Amino acid sequence: MTATAEMIPLASIRAEVQIRMRNGLDEDSLRELAGTIREVGVIEPIVVRPDMTPGGTGYIVIAGERRLLACELAGLDAIPAIIRRVDPKTATAIQAIENLQRVDLSLADTAQAVATMVASYGSVKETARVLGKSVSWVSKHQSVAKLQGPLQAALLSDECQDAELLLALDQIRRMKSAAAALMFDELLNGMDAGTTTRASVREALERLKKVEAASQLDGDEGGDEGEGAELPTSTSTKAMPGMSASKTLQLLDSCAVYARSAISSIEGGNPVAAKLLMQEFLGKVTETRKGFAEVG
């Protein structure tokens, strides 16, 4: 059965910050809608719920805050509204579902809506069920809502609308190496210039992961030959004294990783990061040469 709208005085309706969308709430957009409402009226009723707070009277908007504000600008006294007697959690879900169906919704607003839903429903899985989205989609946008610092600023300013790019950049931001910090700054600056792409960030992340993995391997004390998984050895490589064949190859692989990463940084126009990577490379070369010198 279709709910029937009734005219409700604007003075008895208030908006409550549950899921606030920025798109369409700017003054120019509202004035344009107000002009349309003066000409043809409100085509689609808003949705409200009774104000059940202690001492509360009137109604709270669930869906249609933009139409409500435009009616106020148009000088109307009342607006057609459908009354839904629902609890705040259900109201949040209705509001989120309506807003997430908008084609002009920004990434920041989508992420905020999803985060509010997850907080309301208590789990990513339940939120995904209510919204009819995949669990991975909900998790991704929940993570976007948690971005901090310059990435949060880029998100809120609508500088970047690519969730995967921002989350990959955040992984680089959380890495501890100096090379990662420099790479992060370079990629962040590239967002302003339009040179930072999802592909370039993923490539940088994979390169830094290899360097980080090589550093962790080089820091291991090693062990007996039979302990742990060993890298395959070639017939042309002999183990250095006091080291397993696996440790020998790890050092050689580290040299190769640092060298390739340094070359990529130079080609990418980041000489500072390249210098740091070359310093690491030379350190591994020196360590490797010392090992082989003992053979003689």
Protein backbone atom coordinates (compact mmCIF):
# COMPACT_ATOMS: atom_id res chain seq x y z
CA MET A 1 0.00 0.00 0.00
CA THR A 2 1.41 3.40 -1.02
CA ALA A 3 1.77 5.89 1.82
CA THR A 4 -0.22 9.11 1.47
CA ALA A 5 1.55 12.45 1.78
CA GLU A 6 0.09 15.22 3.90
CA MET A 7 0.92 18.89 4.15
CA ILE A 8 3.07 19.61 7.21
CA PRO A 9 4.09 23.12 8.34
CA LEU A 10 7.77 23.84 7.73
CA ALA A 11 8.08 25.23 11.26
CA SER A 12 7.32 21.80 12.73
CA ILE A 13 10.05 19.97 10.77
CA ARG A 14 13.72 19.91 11.64
CA ALA A 15 16.79 18.27 10.10
CA GLU A 16 18.93 16.02 12.25
CA VAL A 17 22.56 15.33 11.39
CA GLN A 18 22.59 11.62 10.66
CA ILE A 19 24.08 11.35 7.19
CA ARG A 20 24.82 14.81 5.90
CA MET A 21 25.34 15.14 2.16
CA ARG A 22 27.15 18.19 0.81
CA ASN A 23 26.21 17.84 -2.85
CA GLY A 24 23.22 19.99 -3.73
CA LEU A 25 23.20 21.95 -0.45
CA ASP A 26 25.13 24.94 -1.78
CA GLU A 27 23.26 28.24 -2.00
CA ASP A 28 23.14 28.42 -5.81
CA SER A 29 21.71 24.91 -6.13
CA LEU A 30 19.12 25.54 -3.42
CA ARG A 31 18.02 28.83 -5.01
CA GLU A 32 17.64 27.09 -8.36
CA LEU A 33 15.46 24.39 -6.78
CA ALA A 34 13.48 27.06 -4.90
CA GLY A 35 12.69 28.74 -8.20
CA THR A 36 11.45 25.45 -9.65
CA ILE A 37 9.27 24.83 -6.58
CA ARG A 38 7.69 28.28 -6.94
CA GLU A 39 6.76 27.39 -10.51
CA VAL A 40 5.57 23.78 -10.24
CA GLY A 41 5.53 22.99 -6.52
CA VAL A 42 7.15 20.04 -4.72
CA ILE A 43 6.93 17.07 -7.09
CA GLU A 44 8.18 14.41 -4.65
CA PRO A 45 7.14 14.49 -0.97
CA ILE A 46 9.82 14.39 1.68
CA VAL A 47 9.92 11.61 4.28
CA VAL A 48 9.78 12.44 7.98
CA ARG A 49 9.44 10.64 11.31
CA PRO A 50 7.87 11.86 14.55
CA ASP A 51 10.31 13.47 16.95
CA MET A 52 10.41 10.94 19.80
CA THR A 53 13.14 12.68 21.83
CA PRO A 54 12.18 13.75 25.40
CA GLY A 55 10.18 16.94 25.06
CA GLY A 56 10.38 16.73 21.29
CA THR A 57 7.54 17.89 19.07
CA GLY A 58 7.00 17.91 15.36
CA TYR A 59 8.98 15.85 12.88
CA ILE A 60 12.55 15.01 11.82
CA VAL A 61 13.56 14.72 8.17
CA ILE A 62 14.59 11.26 7.00
CA ALA A 63 14.85 12.04 3.29
CA GLY A 64 14.41 15.34 1.48
CA GLU A 65 16.39 17.92 3.47
CA ARG A 66 17.32 19.73 0.25
CA ARG A 67 13.66 20.08 -0.73
CA LEU A 68 12.86 21.32 2.79
CA LEU A 69 15.53 24.05 2.63
CA ALA A 70 14.44 25.05 -0.88
CA CYS A 71 10.82 25.41 0.29
CA GLU A 72 11.99 27.75 3.03
CA LEU A 73 13.84 29.84 0.43
CA ALA A 74 10.74 29.81 -1.78
CA GLY A 75 8.72 31.27 1.08
CA LEU A 76 6.33 28.35 1.49
CA ASP A 77 4.61 27.61 4.79
CA ALA A 78 4.12 23.84 4.36
CA ILE A 79 5.52 20.90 2.41
CA PRO A 80 4.04 17.55 1.35
CA ALA A 81 5.53 14.80 3.52
CA ILE A 82 5.14 11.09 4.14
CA ILE A 83 5.27 10.20 7.84
CA ARG A 84 7.19 7.04 8.74
CA ARG A 85 7.05 5.85 12.34
CA VAL A 86 10.49 4.27 12.55
CA ASP A 87 13.33 4.18 15.06
CA PRO A 88 16.54 6.21 14.51
CA LYS A 89 18.45 3.16 13.17
CA THR A 90 15.87 2.48 10.49
CA ALA A 91 15.71 6.19 9.67
CA THR A 92 19.48 6.22 9.18
CA ALA A 93 19.21 3.25 6.83
CA ILE A 94 16.46 4.88 4.77
CA GLN A 95 18.44 8.10 4.53
CA ALA A 96 21.62 6.30 3.53
CA ILE A 97 19.93 4.14 0.93
CA GLU A 98 18.26 7.15 -0.67
CA ASN A 99 21.47 9.17 -0.76
CA LEU A 100 23.65 6.30 -1.98
CA GLN A 101 21.35 5.96 -4.99
CA ARG A 102 22.23 9.47 -6.15
CA VAL A 103 24.52 9.49 -9.19
CA ASP A 104 26.22 12.76 -8.20
CA LEU A 105 27.29 11.62 -4.75
CA SER A 106 30.92 12.37 -3.90
CA LEU A 107 33.31 9.73 -2.56
CA ALA A 108 33.53 11.59 0.76
CA ASP A 109 29.75 11.58 1.22
CA THR A 110 29.46 7.95 0.17
CA ALA A 111 32.18 6.92 2.63
CA GLN A 112 30.59 8.93 5.44
CA ALA A 113 27.19 7.40 4.76
CA VAL A 114 28.64 3.89 4.80
CA ALA A 115 30.59 4.55 8.02
CA THR A 116 27.44 5.84 9.70
CA MET A 117 25.56 2.74 8.58
CA VAL A 118 28.26 0.40 9.91
CA ALA A 119 28.24 2.20 13.26
CA SER A 120 24.45 1.95 13.38
CA TYR A 121 24.17 -1.71 12.36
CA GLY A 122 27.29 -2.90 14.19
CA SER A 123 28.94 -4.82 11.35
CA VAL A 124 30.11 -4.55 7.78
CA LYS A 125 28.23 -7.71 6.82
CA GLU A 126 24.86 -6.48 8.10
CA THR A 127 25.38 -3.08 6.47
CA ALA A 128 26.16 -4.79 3.16
CA ARG A 129 22.94 -6.81 3.45
CA VAL A 130 20.79 -3.75 4.15
CA LEU A 131 22.33 -1.71 1.34
CA GLY A 132 22.40 -4.58 -1.15
CA LYS A 133 26.15 -4.09 -1.64
CA SER A 134 29.09 -6.48 -1.40
CA VAL A 135 31.03 -6.79 1.86
CA SER A 136 34.20 -5.65 0.07
CA TRP A 137 32.44 -2.51 -1.22
CA VAL A 138 31.30 -1.58 2.29
CA SER A 139 34.73 -2.34 3.81
CA LYS A 140 36.48 -0.22 1.18
CA HIS A 141 34.29 2.82 1.80
CA GLN A 142 34.50 2.39 5.56
CA SER A 143 38.30 2.50 5.21
CA VAL A 144 38.05 5.65 3.07
CA ALA A 145 36.04 7.32 5.85
CA LYS A 146 38.94 6.63 8.26
CA LEU A 147 41.60 8.42 6.16
CA GLN A 148 43.60 11.01 8.06
CA GLY A 149 45.84 13.99 7.43
CA PRO A 150 46.47 15.14 3.85
CA LEU A 151 44.54 12.22 2.39
CA GLN A 152 41.47 13.18 4.39
CA ALA A 153 41.92 16.76 3.17
CA ALA A 154 42.13 15.56 -0.45
CA LEU A 155 38.99 13.49 0.12
CA LEU A 156 36.93 16.27 1.69
CA SER A 157 37.99 18.79 -0.96
CA ASP A 158 36.92 16.33 -3.68
CA GLU A 159 40.45 16.52 -5.08
CA CYS A 160 40.38 12.75 -5.54
CA GLN A 161 37.37 10.52 -6.19
CA ASP A 162 39.32 7.25 -6.54
CA ALA A 163 38.95 5.08 -3.43
CA GLU A 164 41.56 2.52 -4.53
CA LEU A 165 44.13 5.24 -5.21
CA LEU A 166 43.60 6.88 -1.81
CA LEU A 167 43.76 3.58 0.09
CA ALA A 168 46.95 2.55 -1.71
CA LEU A 169 48.46 5.95 -0.89
CA ASP A 170 47.46 5.40 2.74
CA GLN A 171 49.39 2.12 2.77
CA ILE A 172 52.48 4.01 1.61
CA ARG A 173 51.87 6.70 4.26
CA ARG A 174 51.90 4.06 7.00
CA MET A 175 55.21 2.55 5.89
CA LYS A 176 58.14 3.46 8.13
CA SER A 177 61.00 3.87 5.65
CA ALA A 178 62.41 7.20 4.53
CA ALA A 179 61.96 6.13 0.92
CA ALA A 180 58.24 5.54 1.55
CA ALA A 181 57.86 8.98 3.15
CA LEU A 182 59.50 10.63 0.16
CA MET A 183 57.46 8.58 -2.28
CA PHE A 184 54.26 9.52 -0.44
CA ASP A 185 55.06 13.24 -0.65
CA GLU A 186 55.89 12.93 -4.34
CA LEU A 187 52.66 11.10 -5.16
CA LEU A 188 50.61 13.48 -3.03
CA ASN A 189 52.05 16.47 -4.88
CA GLY A 190 51.36 14.66 -8.14
CA MET A 191 47.64 14.68 -7.31
CA ASP A 192 47.64 18.47 -7.69
CA ALA A 193 49.55 18.24 -10.98
CA GLY A 194 47.37 15.39 -12.24
CA THR A 195 50.33 13.04 -12.68
CA THR A 196 49.44 10.62 -9.87
CA THR A 197 47.28 7.77 -11.13
CA ARG A 198 46.01 4.54 -9.63
CA ALA A 199 48.57 2.64 -11.69
CA SER A 200 51.51 4.81 -10.58
CA VAL A 201 50.52 4.49 -6.91
CA ARG A 202 50.14 0.71 -7.16
CA GLU A 203 53.53 0.44 -8.88
CA ALA A 204 55.16 2.56 -6.17
CA LEU A 205 53.48 0.51 -3.42
CA GLU A 206 54.65 -2.81 -4.88
CA ARG A 207 58.18 -1.46 -5.30
CA LEU A 208 58.29 -0.24 -1.69
CA LYS A 209 56.89 -3.56 -0.44
CA LYS A 210 59.75 -5.40 -2.16
CA VAL A 211 62.30 -3.07 -0.60
CA GLU A 212 60.67 -3.49 2.81
CA ALA A 213 60.57 -7.27 2.45
CA ALA A 214 64.22 -7.33 1.42
CA SER A 215 65.15 -5.21 4.44
CA GLN A 216 63.31 -7.57 6.77
CA LEU A 217 65.06 -10.57 5.26
CA ASP A 218 68.43 -8.89 5.59
CA GLY A 219 67.72 -8.20 9.25
CA ASP A 220 66.99 -11.84 10.05
CA GLU A 221 69.67 -13.70 11.96
CA GLY A 222 69.14 -16.78 9.82
CA GLY A 223 69.43 -20.28 11.19
CA ASP A 224 70.28 -23.81 10.32
CA GLU A 225 70.14 -24.80 6.70
CA GLY A 226 66.95 -26.77 7.19
CA GLU A 227 64.97 -24.08 9.03
CA GLY A 228 62.24 -22.16 7.20
CA ALA A 229 61.59 -21.83 3.51
CA GLU A 230 64.71 -21.24 1.47
CA LEU A 231 65.05 -19.53 -1.84
CA PRO A 232 66.02 -21.81 -4.71
CA THR A 233 69.75 -21.76 -5.37
CA SER A 234 71.39 -21.60 -8.75
CA THR A 235 74.37 -23.73 -9.76
CA SER A 236 76.51 -20.61 -10.12
CA THR A 237 75.97 -19.25 -6.58
CA LYS A 238 77.82 -20.62 -3.57
CA ALA A 239 76.98 -19.81 0.02
CA MET A 240 79.30 -17.45 1.88
CA PRO A 241 81.06 -18.75 4.98
CA GLY A 242 78.80 -18.62 8.03
CA MET A 243 75.70 -18.10 5.90
CA SER A 244 73.16 -20.44 4.40
CA ALA A 245 72.67 -20.50 0.66
CA SER A 246 69.28 -18.90 1.32
CA LYS A 247 70.86 -15.97 3.19
CA THR A 248 73.42 -15.51 0.43
CA LEU A 249 70.71 -15.24 -2.21
CA GLN A 250 68.67 -12.94 0.00
CA LEU A 251 71.56 -10.48 0.09
CA LEU A 252 71.98 -10.67 -3.67
CA ASP A 253 68.25 -10.23 -4.21
CA SER A 254 68.26 -7.21 -1.89
CA CYS A 255 70.94 -5.59 -4.03
CA ALA A 256 68.84 -6.17 -7.13
CA VAL A 257 65.64 -4.83 -5.52
CA TYR A 258 67.30 -1.64 -4.28
CA ALA A 259 68.98 -1.06 -7.65
CA ARG A 260 65.76 -1.53 -9.63
CA SER A 261 63.83 0.71 -7.22
CA ALA A 262 66.48 3.43 -7.47
CA ILE A 263 66.35 3.31 -11.27
CA SER A 264 62.55 3.52 -11.21
CA SER A 265 62.71 6.53 -8.87
CA ILE A 266 65.13 8.29 -11.20
CA GLU A 267 62.89 7.58 -14.19
CA GLY A 268 59.92 8.81 -12.19
CA GLY A 269 61.64 12.11 -11.43
CA ASN A 270 62.30 11.50 -7.74
CA PRO A 271 66.07 11.90 -7.26
CA VAL A 272 65.86 12.21 -3.47
CA ALA A 273 64.20 8.81 -3.10
CA ALA A 274 66.65 7.41 -5.65
CA LYS A 275 69.59 8.66 -3.59
CA LEU A 276 68.30 6.95 -0.44
CA LEU A 277 67.68 3.72 -2.32
CA MET A 278 71.18 3.83 -3.84
CA GLN A 279 72.66 4.28 -0.37
CA GLU A 280 70.82 1.15 0.75
CA PHE A 281 71.97 -0.61 -2.41
CA LEU A 282 75.62 0.28 -1.82
CA GLY A 283 75.35 -0.89 1.78
CA LYS A 284 74.09 -4.31 0.63
CA VAL A 285 76.79 -4.51 -2.02
CA THR A 286 79.43 -3.81 0.62
CA GLU A 287 77.99 -6.47 2.90
CA THR A 288 77.90 -8.97 0.06
CA ARG A 289 81.49 -8.22 -1.01
CA LYS A 290 82.73 -8.71 2.54
CA GLY A 291 81.10 -12.11 2.61
CA PHE A 292 82.67 -13.19 -0.64
CA ALA A 293 86.06 -11.73 0.36
CA GLU A 294 86.14 -14.19 3.24
CA VAL A 295 85.93 -17.01 0.71
CA GLY A 296 89.33 -16.06 -0.61
